[in-house]
């Protein structure tokens, strides 16, 4: 069965960095756009970042642009989110997602979701 497993979350102070990992299995990873979403308590799920098939194009939500980086390693079926200069507003559960659509942007309804990893940023 398809699995997307996030890791790397935790509790950090503002200004710190975290690197989230999403290791996947059970689907043709190289054929999927990969991305990250996040959801804070009481908030709508928010697009964070995505990376194209082949890893040559990157997209970021306005709230994280210039602070976060996304990358993928097709040999490991993994996608990563490097989060720098974290602020308390980044506190959320971060979800990895896979999207097989041919559009350049990440779908708001990806094909597969991970179960999330908690990121908490203290002031």
Protein backbone atom coordinates (compact mmCIF):
# COMPACT_ATOMS: atom_id res chain seq x y z
CA UNK A 1 0.00 0.00 0.00
CA UNK A 2 1.06 3.59 -0.54
CA UNK A 3 2.92 5.09 2.36
CA UNK A 4 4.28 8.56 3.00
CA UNK A 5 6.08 8.88 6.31
CA UNK A 6 7.16 12.27 7.60
CA UNK A 7 9.84 12.82 10.20
CA UNK A 8 12.02 15.57 11.57
CA UNK A 9 9.50 17.69 13.40
CA UNK A 10 10.01 18.88 16.92
CA UNK A 11 10.04 21.77 19.34
CA UNK A 12 12.52 24.53 18.56
CA UNK A 13 13.09 28.16 19.36
CA UNK A 14 12.37 30.94 16.93
CA UNK A 15 15.27 31.45 14.59
CA UNK A 16 16.16 27.77 14.53
CA UNK A 17 16.12 25.43 11.57
CA UNK A 18 14.52 22.05 10.99
CA UNK A 19 14.70 19.61 8.14
CA UNK A 20 11.62 17.52 7.50
CA UNK A 21 11.84 14.27 5.60
CA UNK A 22 9.17 12.31 3.81
CA UNK A 23 10.07 8.79 2.79
CA UNK A 24 7.59 7.11 0.50
CA UNK A 25 6.79 3.72 -0.94
CA UNK A 26 4.11 1.97 -2.95
CA UNK A 27 3.82 4.33 -5.90
CA UNK A 28 5.86 5.62 -8.83
CA UNK A 29 7.59 8.39 -6.94
CA UNK A 30 9.43 9.78 -9.97
CA UNK A 31 6.14 10.39 -11.75
CA UNK A 32 4.70 12.57 -8.98
CA UNK A 33 5.05 16.13 -7.96
CA UNK A 34 5.83 16.22 -4.27
CA UNK A 35 4.87 18.86 -1.80
CA UNK A 36 4.29 19.96 1.73
CA UNK A 37 1.22 21.38 3.40
CA UNK A 38 0.69 22.44 6.97
CA UNK A 39 -2.23 22.91 9.28
CA UNK A 40 -2.30 24.82 12.53
CA UNK A 41 -5.05 24.27 15.12
CA UNK A 42 -8.25 25.92 14.00
CA UNK A 43 -6.78 26.88 10.64
CA UNK A 44 -7.30 25.69 7.10
CA UNK A 45 -4.68 23.49 5.58
CA UNK A 46 -2.04 25.70 3.95
CA UNK A 47 0.18 25.06 0.97
CA UNK A 48 3.86 25.31 1.91
CA UNK A 49 6.04 24.15 -0.95
CA UNK A 50 6.25 21.75 -3.86
CA UNK A 51 8.77 20.38 -6.29
CA UNK A 52 8.27 19.14 -9.81
CA UNK A 53 8.97 15.80 -11.34
CA UNK A 54 12.71 15.76 -11.94
CA UNK A 55 13.25 18.37 -9.24
CA UNK A 56 13.90 21.27 -11.59
CA UNK A 57 11.09 23.57 -10.47
CA UNK A 58 10.23 24.76 -6.99
CA UNK A 59 7.22 26.60 -5.61
CA UNK A 60 6.61 28.13 -2.21
CA UNK A 61 3.74 29.64 -0.35
CA UNK A 62 4.01 33.32 0.40
CA UNK A 63 4.36 32.75 4.13
CA UNK A 64 7.52 30.69 3.76
CA UNK A 65 9.21 31.97 0.62
CA UNK A 66 12.86 32.93 1.17
CA UNK A 67 12.95 30.88 4.36
CA UNK A 68 12.14 27.33 3.28
CA UNK A 69 13.69 25.09 0.65
CA UNK A 70 12.36 21.90 -0.88
CA UNK A 71 14.30 19.09 -2.50
CA UNK A 72 13.78 15.51 -3.59
CA UNK A 73 15.90 12.41 -3.94
CA UNK A 74 14.33 10.05 -6.43
CA UNK A 75 16.84 7.32 -5.60
CA UNK A 76 15.45 7.29 -2.06
CA UNK A 77 11.81 8.06 -2.93
CA UNK A 78 12.08 10.96 -0.54
CA UNK A 79 11.26 14.63 -0.39
CA UNK A 80 12.64 17.12 2.11
CA UNK A 81 11.67 20.48 3.50
CA UNK A 82 14.46 22.62 4.89
CA UNK A 83 12.93 25.20 7.20
CA UNK A 84 15.12 28.12 8.22
CA UNK A 85 14.60 31.10 10.48
CA UNK A 86 11.53 29.55 11.98
CA UNK A 87 8.94 31.77 13.58
CA UNK A 88 6.07 30.87 15.92
CA UNK A 89 3.62 31.25 13.04
CA UNK A 90 5.25 28.20 11.46
CA UNK A 91 3.85 26.04 14.24
CA UNK A 92 1.66 23.40 12.61
CA UNK A 93 1.40 19.80 11.62
CA UNK A 94 3.31 19.40 8.38
CA UNK A 95 2.04 16.94 5.80
CA UNK A 96 3.83 15.42 2.86
CA UNK A 97 1.79 14.93 -0.30
CA UNK A 98 2.13 13.38 -3.74
CA UNK A 99 0.35 14.64 -6.85
CA UNK A 100 0.24 12.87 -10.20
CA UNK A 101 -1.53 15.63 -12.11
CA UNK A 102 0.22 17.17 -15.09
CA UNK A 103 -0.24 20.75 -13.97
CA UNK A 104 2.86 22.61 -12.89
CA UNK A 105 1.39 23.60 -9.55
CA UNK A 106 0.59 21.26 -6.72
CA UNK A 107 -3.00 20.19 -6.57
CA UNK A 108 -5.06 21.20 -3.56
CA UNK A 109 -6.27 17.61 -3.55
CA UNK A 110 -3.15 15.49 -3.89
CA UNK A 111 -3.38 11.80 -4.56
CA UNK A 112 -1.57 10.73 -1.41
CA UNK A 113 -1.00 12.19 2.03
CA UNK A 114 1.27 11.41 4.90
CA UNK A 115 0.01 11.45 8.46
CA UNK A 116 2.00 14.51 9.45
CA UNK A 117 4.76 15.60 11.76
CA UNK A 118 4.40 18.28 14.41
CA UNK A 119 6.54 21.40 14.26
CA UNK A 120 6.35 23.75 17.23
CA UNK A 121 8.29 27.00 17.31
CA UNK A 122 8.55 28.79 20.62
CA UNK A 123 9.05 32.55 20.76
